[in-house]
Each structure stands twice: as structure tokens, then as C-alpha cells.
């Protein structure tokens, strides 16, 4: 790679600004960041994947925006840093009211290696903060944005994206043989056509849960796990599956029960991280979203902020003990997930910010399973854009802080 020019602008220069890349600049960024992010794909396959992912219902027609930091005074335009933002449907509960808002997920923050340590990424995030306050929000204020840091908790926190709970529990992909399955409820696979109705049910529970919050509660925010969001994850999975294995996975999750109001289900996605497609190390089946449908144990209770055990909610807050039925149902879901993970070359399956029942279920499959608090990778971070005097992570509850929100 050619060395960087010597007359690079200072990162504090008033002539630096956010812009949208040309198609040529966008491809050049992909070619550079693909070295780190293509996983088991060839560079050519990685470029095709990004093109396909940009045309999903979630991302088309302005759902995905590309950004670059450039020097507007330079005669020959040079991309100093770049990123993407995903428009996301969200809800905010505050002062006893629930309002719909446009939120944004920031992803693919990248600075070419030869331009690093000059403050360009930091300047880009500062510029992005200002733009996102009203971006695609129809003249209203965009209340919050999220990102998932792979460089620890400090860098993005310096620009307002504060770290929230970033914990997970994992179990090996190898199917557990220590669980007595005859005592478990039966899990059925979920397919593409099953998702839309379940996502609508989940969203309705979310709204009802937020509406029931006391007026003096913390501000609560939630990204809506609508079907377009779930299908974006599956489009990524389908493409990589075809590239590596010649076929796409058809089982997208699992469900226990058929009576509405009493079902338990989850969606998942397989991610191949290993550069060697013949090895399983690092490959992970991620639980995108776990849903417990009955109201007393709604999956939307609690928050993803201050639970030291990594749980997204705490049933003990109302004097309830975790339901043994729900724990058994989740165990059945995880057993099916294990089989799917093993079939598709995964090393493990993982659930973010696990509920107390999820932790118990995982430990039934693997007694050594423990909640891990991540310090470096996939740090869930949130920026509250309106002026706020309190630290965000202490005054805002991020509801449903699970893998489906990742971008």
C-alpha cells in the first residue's frame, strides 16, 4: 500500500466535514476494511455480501447511509475515515408517555491504517453526533443512537456513546447429553414464514410494557425487533451459508407451545468468524432475541443497564421466583440451537444479556457456563442526544439490549 501523503490536514481543521462517499470511495473503503471484517469470505464475496445487505427492507431507500470524513479544502479528495448508520424504529418511554422515534445504529467505523492515530475517527464521531440529532427524523429530534464497540469502552464514551451492559453466556455447539429431554416441553423449529406474526406479537408486548412503566421511572429506550431487523440478520447468514456450504440455513429459531399468550421462542443467526472455512473455532450461533410471552414474566420487563449478574431483567424485583417452566422451555430451545450450531460448523452458541432463566437453562446444558462481561468486543453503547445532566447509563434503561440490535 502506498504511503500516506505528507500534507495531511489537522484533525481539528475547520475544513474537515462529513460527506457521503462516491461509489468508488465506498468500494475502496470496503476493500480496506474487508481485511478485518470479511471472516471466512473472500474479498470478492465480502463485497457482494455488503451489496446484498444494503438492499434489504431494513436498509434500502435510505435505511442505510454511508458517511466519510473529508477535507473540503483539498484539491484531491481523500477519505480520512468512514462509517455507516442504520435507521432503526424505536420507542422511548419518559414522563409517563411512550413515543415513537427514529434511532440510528452506527457501524463499520473505519480509518485506513496509514491514516490512524491522527484523530480523524474522533473528529468523524463528533461531526456525526451533530448530524444524527435530526437525521431522517422528519424535523423532530432524534433521541438516541447506538453502536457496538470492538475497541473497548473508552474511545466512544469520550464522544457520548456510553457503555451499557455487554454480557453474554455461551455453551458449546456439541449437543448436550446430560439433560433428560423426556421431562422437557417440545420445541418446534421456526422458519422464515413464521417470523412476521411473532415479531408483531413481540412489538405489541414491548409497547404494553413501556406504557405500564410508572411516570417517575428512568427514561426507557428500546429498538423495535421488527421482522425487517430480524430478516437483515438472516440475509447475512443466508449469503455466507451459500458461499461456504452451498446452501442457506432454513431453521431460523425455535418455539415452545402453540397457545397464544403462553409461548416461548427465540430467533438466532449463525456467524462464521474463522478465516478458515474448514475450522469451527470462533464461529458462533447468536441468539438474536428471546421472547417469553405470558405477561407476568414478560421478556420486556426490567432493563439492560445495572444488573450486575448480566441479566436483562430481574424477576425478583416483584417477589417472583424464576419460572421452572420457562427455564425448561428455554432449555429445549437451546438444545435445538445446539444441534443447528453443530450442523453448521459453529463452535458455540451465545446469548447476550441473558435473563435469569436463560442462565439457568444454559447451565443445565453446560454446568460450567457462566455470564461473561465483555471488556473489548461488541460493547453495547448508547448516546442520548438531548442535553442530559446525568450519566446516561445510570438514568436510562435500555430495554431488550440483545443481539438483534447489533449492526
Protein backbone atom coordinates (compact mmCIF):
# COMPACT_ATOMS: atom_id res chain seq x y z
CA UNK A 1 0.00 0.00 0.00
CA UNK A 2 1.29 3.41 -0.91
CA UNK A 3 2.41 5.66 1.91
CA UNK A 4 0.10 8.46 3.00
CA UNK A 5 0.72 11.95 1.64
CA UNK A 6 2.74 14.21 3.88
CA UNK A 7 0.38 17.19 3.78
CA UNK A 8 -2.46 15.62 5.73
CA UNK A 9 -4.86 18.06 7.41
CA UNK A 10 -5.01 18.51 11.15
CA UNK A 11 -7.98 16.71 12.70
CA UNK A 12 -9.13 20.00 14.25
CA UNK A 13 -9.19 21.80 10.92
CA UNK A 14 -12.47 23.68 10.25
CA UNK A 15 -12.38 22.43 6.67
CA UNK A 16 -13.00 18.80 7.69
CA UNK A 17 -16.59 17.71 7.25
CA UNK A 18 -18.85 14.72 6.88
CA UNK A 19 -19.88 13.77 3.40
CA UNK A 20 -21.34 10.80 1.54
CA UNK A 21 -18.85 8.71 -0.41
CA UNK A 22 -18.88 8.24 -4.13
CA UNK A 23 -19.36 4.67 -5.30
CA UNK A 24 -15.63 4.45 -5.97
CA UNK A 25 -14.80 5.71 -2.46
CA UNK A 26 -17.27 3.30 -0.89
CA UNK A 27 -15.73 0.29 -2.65
CA UNK A 28 -12.24 1.48 -1.68
CA UNK A 29 -13.35 1.56 1.98
CA UNK A 30 -14.82 -1.93 1.73
CA UNK A 31 -11.62 -3.28 0.23
CA UNK A 32 -9.60 -1.89 3.11
CA UNK A 33 -11.91 -2.83 5.98
CA UNK A 34 -12.59 -6.24 4.42
CA UNK A 35 -9.18 -7.38 5.62
CA UNK A 36 -10.56 -7.26 9.17
CA UNK A 37 -14.25 -7.95 8.66
CA UNK A 38 -14.73 -10.47 5.85
CA UNK A 39 -14.22 -13.50 8.11
CA UNK A 40 -14.27 -16.71 6.05
CA UNK A 41 -15.29 -14.89 2.85
CA UNK A 42 -13.00 -13.95 0.01
CA UNK A 43 -12.74 -10.21 -0.60
CA UNK A 44 -14.89 -10.55 -3.71
CA UNK A 45 -17.57 -12.42 -1.74
CA UNK A 46 -17.39 -9.85 1.03
CA UNK A 47 -18.07 -7.04 -1.45
CA UNK A 48 -21.10 -8.93 -2.80
CA UNK A 49 -22.38 -9.52 0.72
CA UNK A 50 -22.27 -5.82 1.53
CA UNK A 51 -24.13 -5.03 -1.68
CA UNK A 52 -26.85 -7.57 -0.85
CA UNK A 53 -27.19 -6.35 2.74
CA UNK A 54 -27.66 -2.78 1.51
CA UNK A 55 -30.77 -3.79 -0.46
CA UNK A 56 -32.81 -5.39 2.34
CA UNK A 57 -36.07 -3.89 3.59
CA UNK A 58 -34.22 -2.55 6.61
CA UNK A 59 -31.53 -0.84 4.57
CA UNK A 60 -32.98 0.16 1.19
CA UNK A 61 -34.49 3.56 0.40
CA UNK A 62 -32.29 5.42 2.86
CA UNK A 63 -32.32 2.85 5.63
CA UNK A 64 -28.54 2.59 5.33
CA UNK A 65 -26.38 5.70 4.98
CA UNK A 66 -22.66 5.75 4.21
CA UNK A 67 -20.50 8.54 5.66
CA UNK A 68 -16.94 9.70 5.13
CA UNK A 69 -14.82 12.42 6.69
CA UNK A 70 -13.08 14.53 4.05
CA UNK A 71 -11.16 17.76 3.77
CA UNK A 72 -13.38 20.17 1.84
CA UNK A 73 -10.40 22.41 1.09
CA UNK A 74 -8.31 19.70 -0.56
CA UNK A 75 -7.95 19.75 -4.31
CA UNK A 76 -7.84 15.96 -4.48
CA UNK A 77 -10.43 14.50 -2.12
CA UNK A 78 -9.05 11.98 0.37
CA UNK A 79 -11.26 9.85 2.62
CA UNK A 80 -9.86 10.22 6.14
CA UNK A 81 -12.35 7.97 7.94
CA UNK A 82 -15.72 6.37 7.29
CA UNK A 83 -18.76 4.66 8.85
CA UNK A 84 -22.36 3.64 8.24
CA UNK A 85 -25.63 4.39 10.01
CA UNK A 86 -28.73 2.22 10.06
CA UNK A 87 -32.13 3.81 10.50
CA UNK A 88 -33.98 1.94 13.23
CA UNK A 89 -37.51 2.11 14.57
CA UNK A 90 -37.52 2.73 18.29
CA UNK A 91 -39.66 3.61 21.27
CA UNK A 92 -38.91 5.90 24.20
CA UNK A 93 -40.86 5.96 27.46
CA UNK A 94 -40.49 9.08 29.59
CA UNK A 95 -42.69 11.15 31.88
CA UNK A 96 -45.45 8.57 31.68
CA UNK A 97 -45.70 8.64 27.89
CA UNK A 98 -44.42 6.39 25.10
CA UNK A 99 -43.31 7.94 21.83
CA UNK A 100 -42.06 6.50 18.57
CA UNK A 101 -38.74 7.83 17.35
CA UNK A 102 -36.13 7.26 14.71
CA UNK A 103 -32.91 5.93 16.20
CA UNK A 104 -29.68 5.16 14.42
CA UNK A 105 -27.20 2.33 14.72
CA UNK A 106 -23.63 3.31 13.93
CA UNK A 107 -21.49 0.62 12.35
CA UNK A 108 -18.36 -0.09 10.31
CA UNK A 109 -16.34 2.76 11.81
CA UNK A 110 -13.04 2.54 9.95
CA UNK A 111 -9.93 4.58 9.38
CA UNK A 112 -7.35 3.38 6.82
CA UNK A 113 -4.25 2.06 8.62
CA UNK A 114 -1.94 4.68 7.09
CA UNK A 115 -4.17 7.48 8.47
CA UNK A 116 -4.63 6.24 12.03
CA UNK A 117 -3.55 7.97 15.24
CA UNK A 118 -4.21 11.40 13.75
CA UNK A 119 -7.64 11.97 15.36
CA UNK A 120 -9.72 11.53 12.21
CA UNK A 121 -12.08 8.89 13.60
CA UNK A 122 -12.61 11.03 16.70
CA UNK A 123 -13.41 14.06 14.56
CA UNK A 124 -15.81 11.98 12.48
CA UNK A 125 -17.72 10.88 15.57
CA UNK A 126 -18.01 14.48 16.72
CA UNK A 127 -19.39 15.50 13.34
CA UNK A 128 -21.70 12.50 13.26
CA UNK A 129 -23.16 13.38 16.66
CA UNK A 130 -24.31 16.74 15.33
CA UNK A 131 -25.79 15.28 12.16
CA UNK A 132 -27.64 12.41 13.84
CA UNK A 133 -29.58 14.74 16.14
CA UNK A 134 -32.04 15.38 13.30
CA UNK A 135 -31.03 12.88 10.59
CA UNK A 136 -34.06 11.27 8.89
CA UNK A 137 -36.31 12.26 11.78
CA UNK A 138 -38.75 14.44 9.78
CA UNK A 139 -37.82 17.61 11.60
CA UNK A 140 -38.06 16.04 15.04
CA UNK A 141 -35.19 15.42 17.39
CA UNK A 142 -33.53 12.02 17.11
CA UNK A 143 -33.47 10.93 20.72
CA UNK A 144 -30.73 8.32 20.73
CA UNK A 145 -28.27 6.27 18.71
CA UNK A 146 -26.36 3.07 19.46
CA UNK A 147 -23.14 1.38 18.43
CA UNK A 148 -21.25 -1.77 19.34
CA UNK A 149 -17.62 -1.06 20.04
CA UNK A 150 -14.88 -3.57 19.22
CA UNK A 151 -12.17 -1.32 20.68
CA UNK A 152 -13.24 -1.31 24.32
CA UNK A 153 -15.34 1.09 26.37
CA UNK A 154 -13.32 4.30 26.44
CA UNK A 155 -12.98 5.64 22.89
CA UNK A 156 -16.66 6.06 22.02
CA UNK A 157 -17.59 7.03 25.58
CA UNK A 158 -15.41 10.11 25.13
CA UNK A 159 -17.86 11.28 22.44
CA UNK A 160 -21.04 10.41 24.32
CA UNK A 161 -21.73 6.79 23.38
CA UNK A 162 -21.67 5.38 26.90
CA UNK A 163 -21.15 1.65 27.55
CA UNK A 164 -24.14 -0.34 28.80
CA UNK A 165 -24.38 -3.97 29.91
CA UNK A 166 -22.38 -6.09 27.49
CA UNK A 167 -22.56 -9.58 28.89
CA UNK A 168 -23.28 -12.99 27.43
CA UNK A 169 -23.46 -16.65 28.28
CA UNK A 170 -22.33 -19.37 25.90
CA UNK A 171 -22.43 -23.15 25.63
CA UNK A 172 -20.60 -25.46 23.23
CA UNK A 173 -22.25 -26.38 19.94
CA UNK A 174 -21.91 -30.07 20.77
CA UNK A 175 -25.36 -31.32 21.76
CA UNK A 176 -25.69 -31.80 25.49
CA UNK A 177 -26.22 -35.37 26.68
CA UNK A 178 -26.66 -34.60 30.37
CA UNK A 179 -30.18 -33.17 30.07
CA UNK A 180 -33.12 -35.54 30.49
CA UNK A 181 -35.13 -34.48 27.44
CA UNK A 182 -38.23 -36.54 28.26
CA UNK A 183 -39.03 -34.07 31.04
CA UNK A 184 -38.75 -31.03 28.76
CA UNK A 185 -41.50 -29.40 26.70
CA UNK A 186 -41.16 -29.96 22.96
CA UNK A 187 -39.51 -27.29 20.84
CA UNK A 188 -40.51 -26.81 17.22
CA UNK A 189 -38.34 -25.12 14.58
CA UNK A 190 -39.18 -21.65 13.29
CA UNK A 191 -38.93 -20.88 9.59
CA UNK A 192 -38.93 -17.67 7.57
CA UNK A 193 -42.72 -17.60 7.21
CA UNK A 194 -43.19 -17.81 10.99
CA UNK A 195 -41.32 -14.64 11.84
CA UNK A 196 -43.66 -11.81 10.93
CA UNK A 197 -46.52 -12.76 13.27
CA UNK A 198 -44.14 -13.43 16.15
CA UNK A 199 -42.33 -10.12 15.66
CA UNK A 200 -45.66 -8.24 15.72
CA UNK A 201 -46.63 -10.01 18.94
CA UNK A 202 -43.26 -9.14 20.48
CA UNK A 203 -43.60 -5.49 19.50
CA UNK A 204 -47.09 -5.29 21.00
CA UNK A 205 -45.74 -6.64 24.29
CA UNK A 206 -42.95 -4.09 24.19
CA UNK A 207 -45.37 -1.20 23.79
CA UNK A 208 -47.62 -2.50 26.56
CA UNK A 209 -44.67 -2.96 28.90
CA UNK A 210 -43.40 0.56 28.29
CA UNK A 211 -46.88 2.05 28.74
CA UNK A 212 -47.13 0.34 32.13
CA UNK A 213 -43.96 1.95 33.49
CA UNK A 214 -44.53 4.42 36.36
CA UNK A 215 -44.23 8.06 35.32
CA UNK A 216 -41.28 8.58 37.69
CA UNK A 217 -39.24 5.71 36.23
CA UNK A 218 -35.98 6.15 34.37
CA UNK A 219 -36.28 7.04 30.73
CA UNK A 220 -36.55 3.74 28.83
CA UNK A 221 -35.45 3.19 25.25
CA UNK A 222 -35.91 0.17 23.00
CA UNK A 223 -35.05 -0.71 19.45
CA UNK A 224 -38.07 -2.46 17.95
CA UNK A 225 -37.28 -6.08 16.97
CA UNK A 226 -39.44 -5.91 13.85
CA UNK A 227 -39.32 -8.51 11.11
CA UNK A 228 -37.18 -6.34 8.82
CA UNK A 229 -34.49 -6.19 11.52
CA UNK A 230 -34.54 -9.95 12.05
CA UNK A 231 -34.52 -10.62 8.30
CA UNK A 232 -31.48 -8.40 7.82
CA UNK A 233 -29.54 -10.67 10.16
CA UNK A 234 -30.82 -13.70 8.30
CA UNK A 235 -29.92 -12.24 4.90
CA UNK A 236 -26.33 -12.01 6.12
CA UNK A 237 -26.47 -15.58 7.40
CA UNK A 238 -28.07 -16.89 4.21
CA UNK A 239 -25.45 -15.32 1.98
CA UNK A 240 -22.47 -16.61 3.94
CA UNK A 241 -24.06 -20.05 4.27
CA UNK A 242 -24.40 -20.31 0.49
CA UNK A 243 -20.87 -19.09 -0.07
CA UNK A 244 -19.30 -21.54 2.38
CA UNK A 245 -21.66 -24.51 2.28
CA UNK A 246 -23.62 -24.15 -0.92
CA UNK A 247 -26.94 -23.70 0.89
CA UNK A 248 -28.68 -21.35 3.29
CA UNK A 249 -29.97 -22.39 6.73
CA UNK A 250 -33.75 -22.77 6.83
CA UNK A 251 -34.26 -23.07 10.60
CA UNK A 252 -34.31 -19.52 11.97
CA UNK A 253 -35.16 -20.23 15.59
CA UNK A 254 -37.36 -22.38 17.79
CA UNK A 255 -40.63 -22.14 19.73
CA UNK A 256 -42.20 -23.98 22.65
CA UNK A 257 -46.00 -24.03 22.91
CA UNK A 258 -48.75 -23.15 20.46
CA UNK A 259 -51.30 -21.34 22.63
CA UNK A 260 -51.04 -17.59 22.13
CA UNK A 261 -50.10 -15.86 25.35
CA UNK A 262 -48.15 -18.83 26.68
CA UNK A 263 -45.43 -19.37 24.09
CA UNK A 264 -41.66 -19.10 24.48
CA UNK A 265 -39.46 -18.60 21.43
CA UNK A 266 -36.18 -17.29 20.16
CA UNK A 267 -34.62 -16.32 16.85
CA UNK A 268 -30.96 -16.92 16.09
CA UNK A 269 -28.35 -16.32 13.43
CA UNK A 270 -25.13 -18.13 12.55
CA UNK A 271 -21.95 -16.11 12.11
CA UNK A 272 -18.78 -17.54 10.61
CA UNK A 273 -15.83 -15.61 12.02
CA UNK A 274 -12.99 -18.06 11.32
CA UNK A 275 -10.88 -17.20 8.29
CA UNK A 276 -10.56 -20.91 7.58
CA UNK A 277 -13.99 -22.23 6.49
CA UNK A 278 -12.92 -25.77 7.49
CA UNK A 279 -12.43 -24.80 11.14
CA UNK A 280 -15.16 -24.11 13.68
CA UNK A 281 -13.17 -22.09 16.23
CA UNK A 282 -14.76 -18.71 16.77
CA UNK A 283 -17.89 -19.46 14.72
CA UNK A 284 -20.94 -18.62 16.80
CA UNK A 285 -24.69 -19.12 16.68
CA UNK A 286 -26.10 -15.97 18.28
CA UNK A 287 -29.50 -15.88 19.92
CA UNK A 288 -30.94 -12.70 18.44
CA UNK A 289 -33.94 -12.39 20.72
CA UNK A 290 -35.61 -14.47 23.45
CA UNK A 291 -39.35 -13.96 23.98
CA UNK A 292 -41.44 -15.16 26.93
CA UNK A 293 -45.00 -14.37 26.02
CA UNK A 294 -47.01 -14.55 29.24
CA UNK A 295 -47.43 -11.18 30.91
CA UNK A 296 -46.22 -11.88 34.47
CA UNK A 297 -42.82 -12.80 33.04
CA UNK A 298 -42.78 -10.55 30.01
CA UNK A 299 -39.42 -10.53 28.22
CA UNK A 300 -39.59 -6.74 28.21
CA UNK A 301 -39.51 -6.26 31.98
CA UNK A 302 -36.51 -4.60 33.58
CA UNK A 303 -33.59 -3.09 31.71
CA UNK A 304 -30.23 -3.78 30.22
CA UNK A 305 -28.31 -1.38 32.41
CA UNK A 306 -27.46 -2.00 36.00
CA UNK A 307 -27.90 -5.74 36.61
CA UNK A 308 -24.57 -6.94 37.95
CA UNK A 309 -25.35 -10.56 37.12
CA UNK A 310 -25.66 -9.68 33.45
CA UNK A 311 -29.41 -10.23 33.35
CA UNK A 312 -31.53 -8.00 31.17
CA UNK A 313 -34.25 -8.05 33.85
CA UNK A 314 -34.84 -9.31 37.37
CA UNK A 315 -37.97 -11.24 38.32
CA UNK A 316 -37.07 -10.89 41.96
CA UNK A 317 -37.98 -7.21 41.75
CA UNK A 318 -41.68 -8.19 42.13
CA UNK A 319 -41.10 -11.01 44.59
CA UNK A 320 -41.42 -13.65 41.86
CA UNK A 321 -39.16 -16.64 41.55
CA UNK A 322 -37.97 -17.56 38.04
CA UNK A 323 -40.44 -19.92 36.43
CA UNK A 324 -39.22 -23.51 36.21
CA UNK A 325 -41.46 -23.98 33.16
CA UNK A 326 -39.82 -21.08 31.36
CA UNK A 327 -36.41 -22.41 32.29
CA UNK A 328 -37.34 -25.82 30.87
CA UNK A 329 -38.77 -24.22 27.71
CA UNK A 330 -35.58 -22.25 27.16
CA UNK A 331 -33.55 -25.40 27.72
CA UNK A 332 -35.49 -27.04 24.86
CA UNK A 333 -34.84 -24.01 22.65
CA UNK A 334 -31.13 -24.16 23.41
CA UNK A 335 -30.95 -27.88 22.68
CA UNK A 336 -32.32 -27.24 19.20
CA UNK A 337 -29.93 -24.31 18.81
CA UNK A 338 -27.04 -26.61 19.78
CA UNK A 339 -27.98 -29.08 17.06
CA UNK A 340 -28.24 -26.32 14.48
CA UNK A 341 -24.93 -24.83 15.59
CA UNK A 342 -23.16 -28.17 15.30
CA UNK A 343 -24.64 -28.88 11.87
CA UNK A 344 -23.46 -25.54 10.50
CA UNK A 345 -19.89 -25.55 11.76
CA UNK A 346 -20.30 -23.39 14.84
CA UNK A 347 -18.10 -23.77 17.91
CA UNK A 348 -20.65 -22.39 20.36
CA UNK A 349 -23.96 -20.63 20.81
CA UNK A 350 -24.24 -17.35 22.66
CA UNK A 351 -26.99 -15.20 24.23
CA UNK A 352 -26.45 -11.54 25.10
CA UNK A 353 -27.51 -10.02 28.42
CA UNK A 354 -29.17 -13.28 29.43
CA UNK A 355 -32.25 -13.45 31.63
CA UNK A 356 -32.10 -15.43 34.85
CA UNK A 357 -33.96 -18.29 33.15
CA UNK A 358 -31.55 -18.23 30.22
CA UNK A 359 -28.60 -18.52 32.60
CA UNK A 360 -30.21 -21.46 34.40
CA UNK A 361 -31.09 -23.18 31.13
CA UNK A 362 -27.58 -22.74 29.74
CA UNK A 363 -26.11 -24.21 32.92
CA UNK A 364 -28.36 -27.25 32.58
CA UNK A 365 -26.69 -27.89 29.22
CA UNK A 366 -23.22 -26.98 30.46
CA UNK A 367 -22.71 -26.69 34.25
CA UNK A 368 -19.54 -24.65 33.68
CA UNK A 369 -21.36 -21.96 31.68
CA UNK A 370 -21.03 -18.52 33.26
CA UNK A 371 -22.04 -14.99 32.42
CA UNK A 372 -19.13 -13.12 30.83
CA UNK A 373 -18.89 -9.34 30.96
CA UNK A 374 -17.18 -8.21 27.76
CA UNK A 375 -14.47 -5.57 28.05
CA UNK A 376 -13.28 -5.17 24.46
CA UNK A 377 -15.64 -6.56 21.79
CA UNK A 378 -19.28 -5.77 20.98
CA UNK A 379 -19.64 -3.24 23.79
CA UNK A 380 -23.24 -2.04 23.62
CA UNK A 381 -23.04 1.75 23.71
CA UNK A 382 -25.78 4.38 23.63
CA UNK A 383 -25.80 8.12 23.13
CA UNK A 384 -28.75 10.17 24.37
CA UNK A 385 -28.77 13.13 22.02
CA UNK A 386 -30.84 15.66 24.01
CA UNK A 387 -28.88 17.52 26.66
CA UNK A 388 -28.85 15.41 29.81
CA UNK A 389 -27.16 16.21 33.08
CA UNK A 390 -26.89 12.67 34.44
CA UNK A 391 -24.67 9.85 33.18
CA UNK A 392 -26.75 8.04 30.57
CA UNK A 393 -26.05 4.53 31.79
CA UNK A 394 -27.40 5.44 35.24
CA UNK A 395 -30.53 7.30 34.12
CA UNK A 396 -31.70 5.37 31.04
CA UNK A 397 -32.92 1.80 30.82
CA UNK A 398 -32.03 0.12 27.51
CA UNK A 399 -34.82 -2.43 27.14
CA UNK A 400 -34.15 -5.51 25.04
CA UNK A 401 -30.40 -4.98 24.80
CA UNK A 402 -29.88 -8.19 22.82
CA UNK A 403 -28.06 -9.26 19.67
CA UNK A 404 -30.90 -8.27 17.32
CA UNK A 405 -29.94 -4.61 17.85
CA UNK A 406 -26.37 -5.15 16.68
CA UNK A 407 -25.25 -3.65 13.38
